[in-house]
Protein backbone atom coordinates (compact mmCIF):
# COMPACT_ATOMS: atom_id res chain seq x y z
CA MET A 1 -11.85 -18.36 -13.58
CA ARG A 2 -9.14 -20.04 -11.62
CA ILE A 3 -8.03 -17.62 -9.11
CA ALA A 4 -4.86 -17.64 -6.79
CA ILE A 5 -4.66 -15.60 -3.81
CA LEU A 6 -1.21 -14.99 -2.44
CA SER A 7 -1.55 -14.80 1.30
CA ARG A 8 0.05 -16.40 4.40
CA SER A 9 -3.45 -17.37 5.65
CA ARG A 10 -6.97 -17.84 4.48
CA ARG A 11 -8.12 -16.83 8.09
CA ILE A 12 -6.99 -13.14 7.53
CA TYR A 13 -10.27 -11.11 6.90
CA SER A 14 -9.21 -9.66 3.67
CA THR A 15 -8.21 -12.99 2.31
CA ARG A 16 -11.35 -14.80 3.61
CA ARG A 17 -13.62 -11.95 2.17
CA LEU A 18 -11.92 -12.24 -1.38
CA VAL A 19 -12.46 -16.10 -1.34
CA GLU A 20 -16.12 -15.68 -0.33
CA ALA A 21 -16.79 -13.09 -3.09
CA ALA A 22 -15.01 -15.11 -5.69
CA GLU A 23 -16.85 -18.46 -4.81
CA GLU A 24 -20.30 -16.59 -4.77
CA ARG A 25 -19.48 -15.61 -8.31
CA GLY A 26 -18.74 -19.31 -9.24
CA HIS A 27 -14.99 -19.00 -9.58
CA ASP A 28 -12.32 -21.54 -8.43
CA VAL A 29 -10.06 -20.10 -5.73
CA LYS A 30 -6.88 -21.43 -3.97
CA VAL A 31 -5.28 -19.64 -1.32
CA VAL A 32 -1.43 -19.94 -1.78
CA ASP A 33 1.18 -19.28 0.97
CA THR A 34 3.48 -16.86 -0.77
CA LEU A 35 6.64 -18.39 1.33
CA ARG A 36 5.77 -21.96 0.48
CA CYS A 37 6.18 -21.24 -3.30
CA TYR A 38 9.36 -22.13 -5.14
CA MET A 39 10.24 -21.38 -8.65
CA ASN A 40 11.97 -22.90 -11.72
CA ILE A 41 12.97 -19.83 -13.66
CA ALA A 42 13.18 -21.57 -17.16
CA SER A 43 13.54 -19.48 -20.32
CA HIS A 44 10.57 -21.60 -22.23
CA ARG A 45 8.45 -22.88 -19.46
CA PRO A 46 8.71 -21.18 -16.14
CA THR A 47 6.88 -22.91 -13.35
CA ILE A 48 5.91 -22.52 -9.73
CA HIS A 49 5.98 -25.27 -7.19
CA TYR A 50 3.84 -25.48 -4.03
CA ARG A 51 4.33 -27.92 -1.19
CA GLY A 52 5.87 -30.43 -3.53
CA ASP A 53 3.42 -30.05 -6.49
CA GLN A 54 3.87 -28.11 -9.57
CA ILE A 55 1.12 -25.47 -9.55
CA GLU A 56 -1.46 -25.69 -12.57
CA PRO A 57 -2.06 -22.46 -14.45
CA PHE A 58 -4.18 -19.78 -12.95
CA ASP A 59 -6.16 -17.24 -14.89
CA ALA A 60 -5.51 -14.57 -12.38
CA VAL A 61 -3.62 -13.87 -9.19
CA ILE A 62 -4.39 -11.60 -6.19
CA PRO A 63 -1.34 -10.47 -4.42
CA ARG A 64 -1.89 -10.00 -0.58
CA ILE A 65 1.91 -9.51 0.25
CA GLY A 66 2.84 -8.23 3.63
CA SER A 67 5.58 -5.46 3.68
CA SER A 68 7.96 -7.85 5.52
CA ILE A 69 8.04 -10.35 2.64
CA THR A 70 7.93 -7.93 -0.38
CA PHE A 71 11.12 -8.99 -1.86
CA TYR A 72 10.27 -12.68 -2.03
CA GLY A 73 6.60 -12.15 -2.61
CA THR A 74 7.03 -9.89 -5.59
CA ALA A 75 9.41 -12.41 -7.01
CA VAL A 76 6.65 -15.09 -6.80
CA LEU A 77 4.17 -12.58 -8.25
CA ARG A 78 6.64 -11.92 -11.16
CA GLN A 79 6.73 -15.70 -11.82
CA PHE A 80 2.96 -15.91 -12.00
CA GLU A 81 3.29 -13.04 -14.58
CA MET A 82 5.90 -14.97 -16.63
CA MET A 83 3.41 -17.77 -16.78
CA GLY A 84 0.78 -15.53 -18.41
CA THR A 85 -1.23 -15.16 -15.20
CA PHE A 86 -3.21 -11.88 -14.80
CA PRO A 87 -2.24 -10.02 -11.65
CA LEU A 88 -4.74 -7.81 -9.91
CA ASN A 89 -1.62 -5.57 -9.08
CA GLU A 90 1.72 -6.00 -11.01
CA SER A 91 4.86 -6.89 -9.28
CA VAL A 92 6.52 -3.64 -10.36
CA ALA A 93 3.72 -1.50 -9.20
CA VAL A 94 3.78 -3.39 -5.79
CA THR A 95 7.47 -2.82 -5.56
CA ARG A 96 7.12 0.75 -6.65
CA SER A 97 4.52 1.56 -3.82
CA ARG A 98 6.38 -0.38 -1.11
CA ASP A 99 9.47 2.08 -1.69
CA LYS A 100 8.21 4.97 0.33
CA LEU A 101 10.68 7.45 -0.85
CA ARG A 102 10.48 6.36 -4.47
CA SER A 103 6.69 6.72 -4.31
CA LEU A 104 6.66 10.17 -2.93
CA GLN A 105 9.32 11.06 -5.47
CA LEU A 106 7.13 9.78 -8.44
CA LEU A 107 4.02 11.53 -7.01
CA SER A 108 5.86 14.85 -6.51
CA ARG A 109 7.08 14.55 -10.06
CA LYS A 110 3.46 14.41 -11.32
CA GLY A 111 2.52 17.44 -9.26
CA LEU A 112 0.54 15.88 -6.43
CA GLY A 113 0.11 17.52 -3.11
CA LEU A 114 2.48 16.03 -0.41
CA PRO A 115 3.50 16.99 3.08
CA VAL A 116 6.96 18.75 2.91
CA THR A 117 9.40 15.90 3.11
CA GLY A 118 13.11 15.85 3.80
CA PHE A 119 15.56 12.97 3.31
CA ALA A 120 19.43 13.05 4.20
CA TYR A 121 22.19 10.59 4.84
CA ALA A 122 24.74 12.48 7.38
CA THR A 123 23.97 13.38 10.86
CA LYS A 124 25.60 16.74 10.31
CA ASP A 125 22.76 17.60 8.19
CA ILE A 126 20.00 17.10 10.80
CA GLY A 127 19.81 20.86 11.66
CA ASP A 128 19.36 21.77 7.87
CA LEU A 129 16.84 18.89 7.33
CA ILE A 130 14.63 20.08 10.34
CA GLN A 131 14.75 23.49 9.03
CA MET A 132 13.74 22.39 5.56
CA VAL A 133 10.42 20.83 6.63
CA GLY A 134 9.54 23.88 8.66
CA GLY A 135 10.94 23.12 12.02
CA ALA A 136 9.03 21.41 15.01
CA PRO A 137 6.79 19.98 15.41
CA LEU A 138 7.56 17.31 12.77
CA VAL A 139 7.13 13.61 11.95
CA VAL A 140 9.92 11.19 11.51
CA LYS A 141 9.23 7.98 9.49
CA MET A 142 11.25 4.99 9.17
CA LEU A 143 11.09 3.92 5.31
CA GLU A 144 10.40 0.31 6.32
CA GLY A 145 7.78 0.84 8.79
CA THR A 146 4.04 -0.36 8.48
CA GLN A 147 0.80 0.13 10.29
CA GLY A 148 2.19 3.22 12.20
CA ILE A 149 5.10 1.45 13.59
CA GLY A 150 8.48 3.48 13.34
CA VAL A 151 6.47 6.77 13.25
CA VAL A 152 7.37 9.49 15.72
CA LEU A 153 6.01 12.81 16.33
CA CYS A 154 8.88 15.22 17.61
CA GLU A 155 7.21 18.23 19.20
CA THR A 156 10.55 20.25 19.71
CA LYS A 157 13.74 20.69 17.76
CA LYS A 158 15.68 18.96 20.47
CA ALA A 159 13.46 16.03 20.47
CA ALA A 160 13.77 15.86 16.56
CA GLU A 161 17.45 15.98 16.93
CA SER A 162 17.70 13.23 19.39
CA VAL A 163 15.37 10.88 17.32
CA LEU A 164 17.11 11.50 14.05
CA GLU A 165 20.51 10.92 15.50
CA ALA A 166 19.33 7.66 17.12
CA PHE A 167 17.86 6.47 13.90
CA MET A 168 20.64 7.38 11.77
CA GLY A 169 23.10 5.87 14.24
CA LEU A 170 21.45 2.47 13.84
CA ASN A 171 21.73 2.95 10.06
CA VAL A 172 17.88 2.97 9.65
CA SER A 173 16.57 4.74 6.76
CA ILE A 174 14.16 7.62 7.62
CA MET A 175 12.39 10.50 6.24
CA VAL A 176 11.21 13.67 7.96
CA GLN A 177 7.81 15.47 7.05
CA GLU A 178 6.02 18.65 8.27
CA TYR A 179 3.27 17.91 10.70
CA ILE A 180 -0.18 18.79 9.39
CA LYS A 181 -1.72 20.11 12.56
CA GLU A 182 -5.12 21.02 10.99
CA ALA A 183 -5.53 17.33 9.91
CA GLY A 184 -6.43 16.79 13.77
CA GLY A 185 -5.17 13.27 13.81
CA ALA A 186 -7.22 12.12 11.04
CA ASP A 187 -6.71 10.82 7.72
CA ILE A 188 -8.90 9.82 4.78
CA ARG A 189 -8.55 6.24 3.28
CA CYS A 190 -9.63 6.08 -0.21
CA PHE A 191 -10.20 2.59 -1.69
CA VAL A 192 -9.51 2.62 -5.45
CA VAL A 193 -10.68 -0.03 -7.92
CA GLY A 194 -9.93 0.14 -11.59
CA GLY A 195 -9.46 3.97 -11.52
CA LYS A 196 -12.43 4.78 -9.34
CA VAL A 197 -12.77 5.45 -5.69
CA VAL A 198 -15.36 3.01 -4.57
CA ALA A 199 -15.32 3.64 -0.88
CA ALA A 200 -13.77 6.16 1.53
CA ILE A 201 -13.48 6.35 5.38
CA LYS A 202 -12.13 8.86 7.88
CA ARG A 203 -9.60 7.30 10.24
CA GLN A 204 -9.32 9.20 13.57
CA ALA A 205 -6.58 8.77 16.21
CA GLN A 206 -7.64 7.95 19.75
CA PRO A 207 -6.97 10.82 22.02
CA GLY A 208 -3.31 11.36 22.82
CA GLU A 209 -2.30 9.59 19.60
CA PHE A 210 -1.56 11.32 16.35
CA ARG A 211 -1.27 8.11 14.36
CA SER A 212 -4.78 7.15 12.82
CA ASN A 213 -3.99 3.50 11.87
CA LEU A 214 -6.72 1.17 12.93
CA HIS A 215 -3.98 -1.24 14.09
CA ARG A 216 -3.16 1.46 16.71
CA GLY A 217 -6.53 1.79 18.06
CA GLY A 218 -7.89 4.61 15.51
CA SER A 219 -11.67 4.53 14.61
CA ALA A 220 -13.16 4.53 11.27
CA SER A 221 -16.33 6.20 9.97
CA LEU A 222 -17.94 7.00 6.78
CA ILE A 223 -16.98 10.19 5.07
CA LYS A 224 -18.08 12.16 2.02
CA ILE A 225 -14.83 13.19 -0.02
CA THR A 226 -14.52 16.15 -2.38
CA PRO A 227 -14.02 16.09 -5.94
CA GLU A 228 -10.24 17.11 -5.60
CA GLU A 229 -9.76 14.42 -2.90
CA ARG A 230 -11.21 11.83 -5.32
CA SER A 231 -9.34 12.99 -8.20
CA THR A 232 -5.98 13.06 -6.17
CA ALA A 233 -6.56 9.34 -4.98
CA VAL A 234 -7.24 8.21 -8.39
CA ARG A 235 -4.31 9.88 -9.86
CA ALA A 236 -1.96 8.48 -7.00
CA ALA A 237 -3.04 4.94 -7.67
CA LYS A 238 -2.54 5.43 -11.55
CA ILE A 239 0.85 6.96 -11.15
CA MET A 240 1.77 3.78 -8.81
CA GLY A 241 0.57 1.49 -11.72
CA LEU A 242 -1.97 -0.02 -9.06
CA ASN A 243 -5.34 -1.46 -10.13
CA VAL A 244 -6.33 -1.79 -6.60
CA ALA A 245 -4.93 0.72 -3.95
CA GLY A 246 -5.63 2.24 -0.59
CA VAL A 247 -4.77 5.85 -0.82
CA ASP A 248 -4.24 7.92 2.49
CA LEU A 249 -4.82 11.47 2.28
CA LEU A 250 -4.50 14.29 4.97
CA ARG A 251 -6.81 17.38 4.83
CA SER A 252 -4.59 20.44 4.97
CA ASN A 253 -5.28 24.16 4.59
CA HIS A 254 -4.01 23.98 1.02
CA GLY A 255 -5.67 20.87 -0.18
CA PRO A 256 -5.44 16.97 -0.04
CA LEU A 257 -2.07 15.81 0.74
CA VAL A 258 -0.95 12.07 -0.19
CA MET A 259 0.60 10.33 2.72
CA GLU A 260 0.88 6.79 1.27
CA VAL A 261 -0.34 4.48 -1.48
CA ASN A 262 -1.00 0.94 -0.29
CA SER A 263 -0.66 -1.78 -2.82
CA SER A 264 -2.47 -4.43 -0.36
CA PRO A 265 -5.14 -2.42 1.45
CA GLY A 266 -7.20 -4.07 4.20
CA LEU A 267 -10.75 -4.84 3.62
CA GLU A 268 -12.09 -4.93 7.36
CA GLY A 269 -12.06 -1.46 8.07
CA ILE A 270 -13.42 -0.13 4.83
CA GLU A 271 -16.22 -2.72 4.61
CA THR A 272 -17.36 -2.51 8.27
CA ALA A 273 -17.53 1.37 8.06
CA THR A 274 -19.02 1.53 4.74
CA GLY A 275 -21.22 -1.49 4.45
CA LYS A 276 -19.88 -1.96 0.93
CA ASP A 277 -18.99 -5.25 -0.60
CA VAL A 278 -15.50 -4.00 -1.66
CA ALA A 279 -14.18 -7.78 -2.08
CA GLY A 280 -16.96 -8.06 -4.56
CA MET A 281 -16.04 -5.10 -6.54
CA ILE A 282 -12.24 -6.36 -6.64
CA ILE A 283 -13.57 -9.73 -8.18
CA GLY A 284 -15.79 -7.95 -10.45
CA PHE A 285 -12.86 -5.75 -11.95
CA MET A 286 -11.00 -9.02 -12.49
CA GLU A 287 -13.92 -10.66 -14.20
CA LYS A 288 -13.81 -7.50 -16.72
CA ASN A 289 -10.07 -7.09 -17.23
CA ALA A 290 -8.39 -10.52 -16.53
CA ARG A 291 -6.70 -11.82 -19.81
CA HIS A 292 -3.85 -14.23 -20.35
CA ASN A 293 -0.54 -12.67 -20.69
CA LYS A 294 -2.11 -9.08 -19.94
CA THR A 295 0.56 -7.42 -17.89
CA GLN A 296 2.76 -4.46 -18.81
CA THR A 297 5.65 -6.03 -16.86
CA ARG A 298 5.87 -9.24 -18.74
CA GLY A 299 9.55 -9.47 -19.91
CA LYS A 300 10.36 -6.11 -18.58
CA GLY A 301 11.76 -6.99 -15.19
């Protein structure tokens, strides 16, 4: 197959591993800088141009689109879909998962466990919002934040009011969630490929920190997940419409709770901690499923 990887750089661990895995299996791989693509949106012959040349058709495309370029990145991915290229994750699914509020609403509608979550517009509703999620301590999250950025633990009601007033005063979209104390600053990253959890790790926050993101100094270790956790992760990825996803869970006193569903999960932490060839599993999935024009979103926007 001819495979395109949409990524800003082939030096990024995840991109490099996907290139290695694809080449080991005899595929022709090209890393394409998403922001250097430009498009001709024609009715009969849509094309993508890259650094002065028209891109020749690819059999499949792997989107490694950073959250800061979601809008343009998904537009490029959509153009590949219009050209009949099989996407590892479809553009609509990527967009859906990147909208934190929308994704939680979709998961909630399907009955998945979630932390109690509140969302409001007016500052005069802050008191009711805090009460809605069970009071302090609570977690305030920016809807546009990634890698733990824009996530604040408020240990008192006064602190929560101050943080919410500050964010709302800056017209920053935020949501408020209950703090799951029993999780102990840890979460579980389940890596889903093709409807199966192929690897799972426990991410533990460093002392004095409640955010377990590896980018914030958290540690990763191998973990055995329960059947309920496995089922929850698979269902969450399916609801988002993602073939490949990183589903982050919290262990609570009333079962697994979904924190987030990531459409471009990093490979370094999961491969290092588990020793599994997750990149190879992703390429294997594409070998079995990539078909020309095989995308639910073709022509649906």
